[in-house]
Amino acid sequence: MSSTREMPIVELTAADLPAFCPNQKMPIWNHHPRVFLEVATTGEASCPYCGTRYRLVGAAPAGH
């Protein structure tokens, strides 16, 4: 049995940008300082606090 846990993936669209964690769906007891994540250029980013992964689905907004 593996001891590493797979972190959830949150899929975002261009309308959800700018991306930040913790997101609105996370329970209040699980909050940490807000951090903005760059997903428009790379397509994916991980939160440095909790490890939640964010993935951009669809096209990035114009200008990014």
N, C-alpha and C. Protein backbone atom coordinates (compact mmCIF):
# COMPACT_ATOMS: atom_id res chain seq x y z
N MET A 1 0.84 -1.18 0.00
CA MET A 1 0.00 0.00 0.00
C MET A 1 0.89 1.24 0.00
N SER A 2 0.58 2.21 -0.85
CA SER A 2 1.36 3.43 -0.97
C SER A 2 1.02 4.39 0.16
N SER A 3 2.04 5.10 0.67
CA SER A 3 1.80 6.05 1.75
C SER A 3 1.54 7.46 1.21
N THR A 4 1.73 7.67 -0.09
CA THR A 4 1.45 8.98 -0.65
C THR A 4 0.00 9.05 -1.08
N ARG A 5 -0.62 10.20 -0.82
CA ARG A 5 -2.03 10.38 -1.14
C ARG A 5 -2.14 11.29 -2.35
N GLU A 6 -2.96 10.91 -3.29
CA GLU A 6 -3.20 11.70 -4.49
C GLU A 6 -4.08 12.89 -4.12
N MET A 7 -3.62 14.09 -4.42
CA MET A 7 -4.38 15.29 -4.10
C MET A 7 -5.45 15.50 -5.17
N PRO A 8 -6.55 16.15 -4.78
CA PRO A 8 -7.64 16.37 -5.73
C PRO A 8 -7.22 17.32 -6.85
N ILE A 9 -7.90 17.21 -7.99
CA ILE A 9 -7.68 18.11 -9.11
C ILE A 9 -8.93 18.97 -9.26
N VAL A 10 -8.74 20.28 -9.28
CA VAL A 10 -9.83 21.23 -9.48
C VAL A 10 -9.71 21.73 -10.91
N GLU A 11 -10.73 21.51 -11.70
CA GLU A 11 -10.71 21.98 -13.09
C GLU A 11 -11.30 23.38 -13.16
N LEU A 12 -10.58 24.26 -13.85
CA LEU A 12 -10.97 25.66 -13.99
C LEU A 12 -11.15 26.00 -15.46
N THR A 13 -12.00 26.98 -15.72
CA THR A 13 -12.13 27.54 -17.06
C THR A 13 -11.58 28.96 -17.02
N ALA A 14 -11.51 29.60 -18.18
CA ALA A 14 -11.01 30.97 -18.24
C ALA A 14 -11.84 31.90 -17.37
N ALA A 15 -13.13 31.62 -17.21
CA ALA A 15 -14.00 32.45 -16.39
C ALA A 15 -13.65 32.37 -14.90
N ASP A 16 -12.94 31.31 -14.48
CA ASP A 16 -12.57 31.12 -13.08
C ASP A 16 -11.28 31.84 -12.70
N LEU A 17 -10.58 32.39 -13.67
CA LEU A 17 -9.30 33.04 -13.41
C LEU A 17 -9.50 34.43 -12.84
N PRO A 18 -8.66 34.92 -11.97
CA PRO A 18 -7.41 34.30 -11.53
C PRO A 18 -7.67 33.13 -10.57
N ALA A 19 -6.84 32.14 -10.65
CA ALA A 19 -6.97 30.95 -9.81
C ALA A 19 -6.34 31.22 -8.45
N PHE A 20 -7.00 30.73 -7.40
CA PHE A 20 -6.45 30.87 -6.06
C PHE A 20 -6.87 29.71 -5.20
N CYS A 21 -6.11 29.49 -4.16
CA CYS A 21 -6.38 28.44 -3.19
C CYS A 21 -6.23 29.06 -1.81
N PRO A 22 -7.09 28.76 -0.85
CA PRO A 22 -8.17 27.80 -0.91
C PRO A 22 -9.33 28.33 -1.75
N ASN A 23 -10.03 27.41 -2.39
CA ASN A 23 -11.16 27.81 -3.22
C ASN A 23 -12.44 27.82 -2.38
N GLN A 24 -13.51 28.35 -2.94
CA GLN A 24 -14.76 28.53 -2.20
C GLN A 24 -15.40 27.22 -1.75
N LYS A 25 -15.07 26.12 -2.39
CA LYS A 25 -15.69 24.84 -2.05
C LYS A 25 -14.99 24.11 -0.91
N MET A 26 -13.84 24.61 -0.48
CA MET A 26 -13.11 23.95 0.61
C MET A 26 -13.75 24.30 1.95
N PRO A 27 -13.80 23.35 2.88
CA PRO A 27 -14.38 23.63 4.19
C PRO A 27 -13.55 24.66 4.95
N ILE A 28 -14.19 25.50 5.74
CA ILE A 28 -13.52 26.58 6.45
C ILE A 28 -12.40 26.07 7.36
N TRP A 29 -12.56 24.88 7.94
CA TRP A 29 -11.53 24.36 8.84
C TRP A 29 -10.25 24.01 8.09
N ASN A 30 -10.33 23.91 6.78
CA ASN A 30 -9.19 23.49 5.97
C ASN A 30 -8.49 24.68 5.31
N HIS A 31 -8.83 25.91 5.69
CA HIS A 31 -8.26 27.08 5.03
C HIS A 31 -6.83 27.36 5.46
N HIS A 32 -6.10 27.95 4.54
CA HIS A 32 -4.73 28.41 4.75
C HIS A 32 -4.65 29.77 4.10
N PRO A 33 -3.53 30.50 4.20
CA PRO A 33 -3.44 31.80 3.54
C PRO A 33 -3.73 31.69 2.04
N ARG A 34 -4.43 32.68 1.49
CA ARG A 34 -4.77 32.66 0.06
C ARG A 34 -3.50 32.83 -0.77
N VAL A 35 -3.39 31.99 -1.78
CA VAL A 35 -2.27 32.06 -2.71
C VAL A 35 -2.84 32.00 -4.12
N PHE A 36 -2.35 32.90 -4.98
CA PHE A 36 -2.79 32.91 -6.37
C PHE A 36 -1.89 32.00 -7.18
N LEU A 37 -2.48 31.25 -8.11
CA LEU A 37 -1.76 30.24 -8.87
C LEU A 37 -1.76 30.58 -10.35
N GLU A 38 -0.63 30.43 -10.99
CA GLU A 38 -0.48 30.71 -12.42
C GLU A 38 -0.81 29.45 -13.20
N VAL A 39 -2.02 29.39 -13.72
CA VAL A 39 -2.42 28.24 -14.53
C VAL A 39 -2.61 28.61 -16.00
N ALA A 40 -2.69 29.91 -16.31
CA ALA A 40 -2.96 30.34 -17.68
C ALA A 40 -1.81 30.02 -18.63
N THR A 41 -0.58 30.07 -18.17
CA THR A 41 0.56 29.82 -19.06
C THR A 41 0.97 28.36 -19.09
N THR A 42 0.86 27.68 -17.96
CA THR A 42 1.32 26.29 -17.90
C THR A 42 0.19 25.28 -18.04
N GLY A 43 -1.05 25.71 -17.74
CA GLY A 43 -2.19 24.80 -17.83
C GLY A 43 -2.47 24.06 -16.54
N GLU A 44 -1.52 24.07 -15.60
CA GLU A 44 -1.71 23.35 -14.34
C GLU A 44 -0.79 23.94 -13.28
N ALA A 45 -1.26 23.93 -12.01
CA ALA A 45 -0.45 24.40 -10.89
C ALA A 45 -0.89 23.69 -9.63
N SER A 46 0.00 23.61 -8.66
CA SER A 46 -0.31 23.00 -7.38
C SER A 46 -0.17 24.03 -6.27
N CYS A 47 -1.05 23.95 -5.29
CA CYS A 47 -0.99 24.85 -4.16
C CYS A 47 0.21 24.49 -3.29
N PRO A 48 1.05 25.47 -2.95
CA PRO A 48 2.22 25.15 -2.12
C PRO A 48 1.85 24.83 -0.67
N TYR A 49 0.65 25.17 -0.23
CA TYR A 49 0.23 24.89 1.14
C TYR A 49 -0.39 23.52 1.30
N CYS A 50 -1.38 23.20 0.47
CA CYS A 50 -2.13 21.96 0.69
C CYS A 50 -1.92 20.92 -0.42
N GLY A 51 -1.31 21.31 -1.53
CA GLY A 51 -1.05 20.36 -2.61
C GLY A 51 -2.18 20.15 -3.58
N THR A 52 -3.31 20.83 -3.37
CA THR A 52 -4.42 20.70 -4.32
C THR A 52 -3.95 21.13 -5.69
N ARG A 53 -4.30 20.35 -6.71
CA ARG A 53 -3.88 20.66 -8.08
C ARG A 53 -5.02 21.35 -8.81
N TYR A 54 -4.65 22.36 -9.58
CA TYR A 54 -5.61 23.13 -10.38
C TYR A 54 -5.22 22.97 -11.84
N ARG A 55 -6.22 22.70 -12.68
CA ARG A 55 -5.97 22.46 -14.10
C ARG A 55 -6.91 23.33 -14.92
N LEU A 56 -6.35 24.03 -15.91
CA LEU A 56 -7.14 24.85 -16.82
C LEU A 56 -7.68 23.97 -17.94
N VAL A 57 -8.99 23.97 -18.11
CA VAL A 57 -9.60 23.23 -19.21
C VAL A 57 -10.13 24.23 -20.22
N GLY A 58 -9.94 23.95 -21.47
CA GLY A 58 -10.33 24.89 -22.50
C GLY A 58 -9.21 25.88 -22.77
N ALA A 59 -9.51 26.89 -23.54
CA ALA A 59 -8.51 27.86 -23.95
C ALA A 59 -8.25 28.88 -22.83
N ALA A 60 -7.01 29.36 -22.77
CA ALA A 60 -6.67 30.43 -21.84
C ALA A 60 -7.29 31.72 -22.37
N PRO A 61 -7.59 32.65 -21.47
CA PRO A 61 -8.18 33.91 -21.93
C PRO A 61 -7.20 34.70 -22.81
N ALA A 62 -7.72 35.50 -23.71
CA ALA A 62 -6.88 36.31 -24.60
C ALA A 62 -5.96 37.20 -23.78
N GLY A 63 -4.72 37.31 -24.22
CA GLY A 63 -3.76 38.14 -23.52
C GLY A 63 -2.94 37.41 -22.48
N HIS A 64 -3.18 36.11 -22.30
CA HIS A 64 -2.42 35.34 -21.32
C HIS A 64 -1.48 34.39 -21.99
